[in-house]
Protein backbone atom coordinates (compact mmCIF):
# COMPACT_ATOMS: atom_id res chain seq x y z
CA UNK A 1 5.43 10.53 11.96
CA UNK A 2 6.46 10.07 8.29
CA UNK A 3 7.92 13.83 8.16
CA UNK A 4 10.16 12.86 11.19
CA UNK A 5 11.22 9.77 9.95
CA UNK A 6 11.71 11.63 6.58
CA UNK A 7 13.85 14.08 7.99
CA UNK A 8 16.10 11.11 9.99
CA UNK A 9 16.29 9.13 6.82
CA UNK A 10 19.64 8.77 4.98
CA UNK A 11 20.06 8.70 1.23
CA UNK A 12 21.14 5.19 1.24
CA UNK A 13 19.41 2.66 -0.69
CA UNK A 14 18.08 -0.50 0.90
CA UNK A 15 19.78 -4.06 0.28
CA UNK A 16 17.91 -7.67 0.72
CA UNK A 17 20.64 -8.03 3.41
CA UNK A 18 18.56 -5.58 5.54
CA UNK A 19 16.11 -6.85 7.90
CA UNK A 20 13.92 -3.77 7.12
CA UNK A 21 13.79 -5.34 3.62
CA UNK A 22 11.83 -8.45 4.79
CA UNK A 23 9.44 -6.70 7.11
CA UNK A 24 8.55 -4.59 4.16
CA UNK A 25 8.13 -7.56 1.91
CA UNK A 26 6.00 -9.28 4.61
CA UNK A 27 4.06 -6.02 5.03
CA UNK A 28 3.59 -5.67 0.99
CA UNK A 29 2.29 -9.04 0.68
CA UNK A 30 -0.44 -8.86 3.35
CA UNK A 31 -1.44 -5.45 2.24
CA UNK A 32 -1.60 -6.66 -1.48
CA UNK A 33 -3.90 -9.38 -0.34
CA UNK A 34 -5.85 -7.64 1.99
CA UNK A 35 -6.66 -5.00 -0.82
CA UNK A 36 -7.21 -8.22 -3.01
CA UNK A 37 -9.89 -9.57 0.04
CA UNK A 38 -11.80 -6.30 0.26
CA UNK A 39 -12.51 -6.31 -3.58
CA UNK A 40 -14.30 -9.50 -3.80
CA UNK A 41 -17.21 -8.48 -1.13
CA UNK A 42 -17.28 -5.17 -3.56
CA UNK A 43 -17.91 -7.25 -6.41
CA UNK A 44 -21.65 -8.33 -5.69
CA UNK A 45 -22.72 -5.17 -3.92
CA UNK A 46 -24.66 -2.97 -6.95
CA UNK A 47 -25.04 -0.17 -4.32
CA UNK A 48 -21.35 0.77 -4.95
CA UNK A 49 -20.40 1.55 -8.39
CA UNK A 50 -16.91 0.02 -9.82
CA UNK A 51 -15.61 3.36 -10.53
CA UNK A 52 -15.80 4.38 -7.07
CA UNK A 53 -13.79 1.57 -5.61
CA UNK A 54 -12.01 -0.23 -8.90
CA UNK A 55 -9.64 2.36 -9.53
CA UNK A 56 -8.47 2.97 -6.01
CA UNK A 57 -7.78 -0.60 -5.31
CA UNK A 58 -5.54 -0.81 -8.47
CA UNK A 59 -3.87 2.43 -7.34
CA UNK A 60 -3.32 0.87 -3.75
CA UNK A 61 -1.97 -2.45 -5.28
CA UNK A 62 0.48 -0.68 -7.57
CA UNK A 63 1.80 1.30 -4.80
CA UNK A 64 2.03 -1.25 -2.45
CA UNK A 65 4.11 -3.65 -5.26
CA UNK A 66 6.05 -0.56 -6.12
CA UNK A 67 7.30 -0.16 -2.54
CA UNK A 68 9.61 -3.28 -2.77
CA UNK A 69 11.82 -2.22 -5.76
CA UNK A 70 11.86 1.30 -4.55
CA UNK A 71 13.55 0.11 -1.56
CA UNK A 72 15.95 -1.53 -3.13
CA UNK A 73 16.77 1.43 -5.80
CA UNK A 74 16.30 4.60 -4.32
CA UNK A 75 16.42 6.04 -1.42
CA UNK A 76 14.17 4.23 1.53
CA UNK A 77 11.94 7.05 2.63
CA UNK A 78 10.38 6.64 -0.92
CA UNK A 79 9.54 3.00 -0.11
CA UNK A 80 8.02 4.00 3.03
CA UNK A 81 5.96 6.68 1.37
CA UNK A 82 4.86 4.70 -0.98
CA UNK A 83 3.25 2.14 1.85
CA UNK A 84 1.99 5.17 3.24
CA UNK A 85 -0.25 6.27 0.37
CA UNK A 86 -1.14 2.19 -0.30
CA UNK A 87 -2.49 2.10 3.36
CA UNK A 88 -4.45 5.33 2.85
CA UNK A 89 -5.98 3.88 -0.46
CA UNK A 90 -6.92 0.73 1.32
CA UNK A 91 -8.40 2.71 4.33
CA UNK A 92 -10.44 4.47 1.44
CA UNK A 93 -11.80 1.00 0.33
CA UNK A 94 -12.76 -0.28 3.92
CA UNK A 95 -14.71 2.77 4.29
CA UNK A 96 -16.63 1.88 0.68
CA UNK A 97 -17.19 -1.55 1.82
CA UNK A 98 -18.54 -0.16 5.31
CA UNK A 99 -21.02 2.11 3.31
CA UNK A 100 -22.00 -0.75 1.34
CA UNK A 101 -22.98 -2.76 4.11
C-alpha cells in the first residue's frame, strides 16, 4: 500500500494547516509512548538481553519522532515511510515481549 501511496503522492511539503499533520502528530505521540510502555516490562526480564531490544526501541522512537519534522520540510511521503519503519520496529519489540512471556 505504501508503494501505491508513494506513486500517487505529490512532491509537496506538508504544513501545520493540513489535517493530516495533526493526525500524524497524534499517531506519532501514541506510537512513541506505546514503544516506551513496551520497554518497561522488558527491563525486568533477564531472559531477553538488552542488546536485543534496546537498539530497536531507540530506532523506533527516532523514526517516530523524525516523521513529524519530515512532514514539514521534505515531501510528505518520507514522513509516511518513517512511520511505517517505526511501526515495523515496534512490531518486532512486541514479538520480543511475547517471546519473553
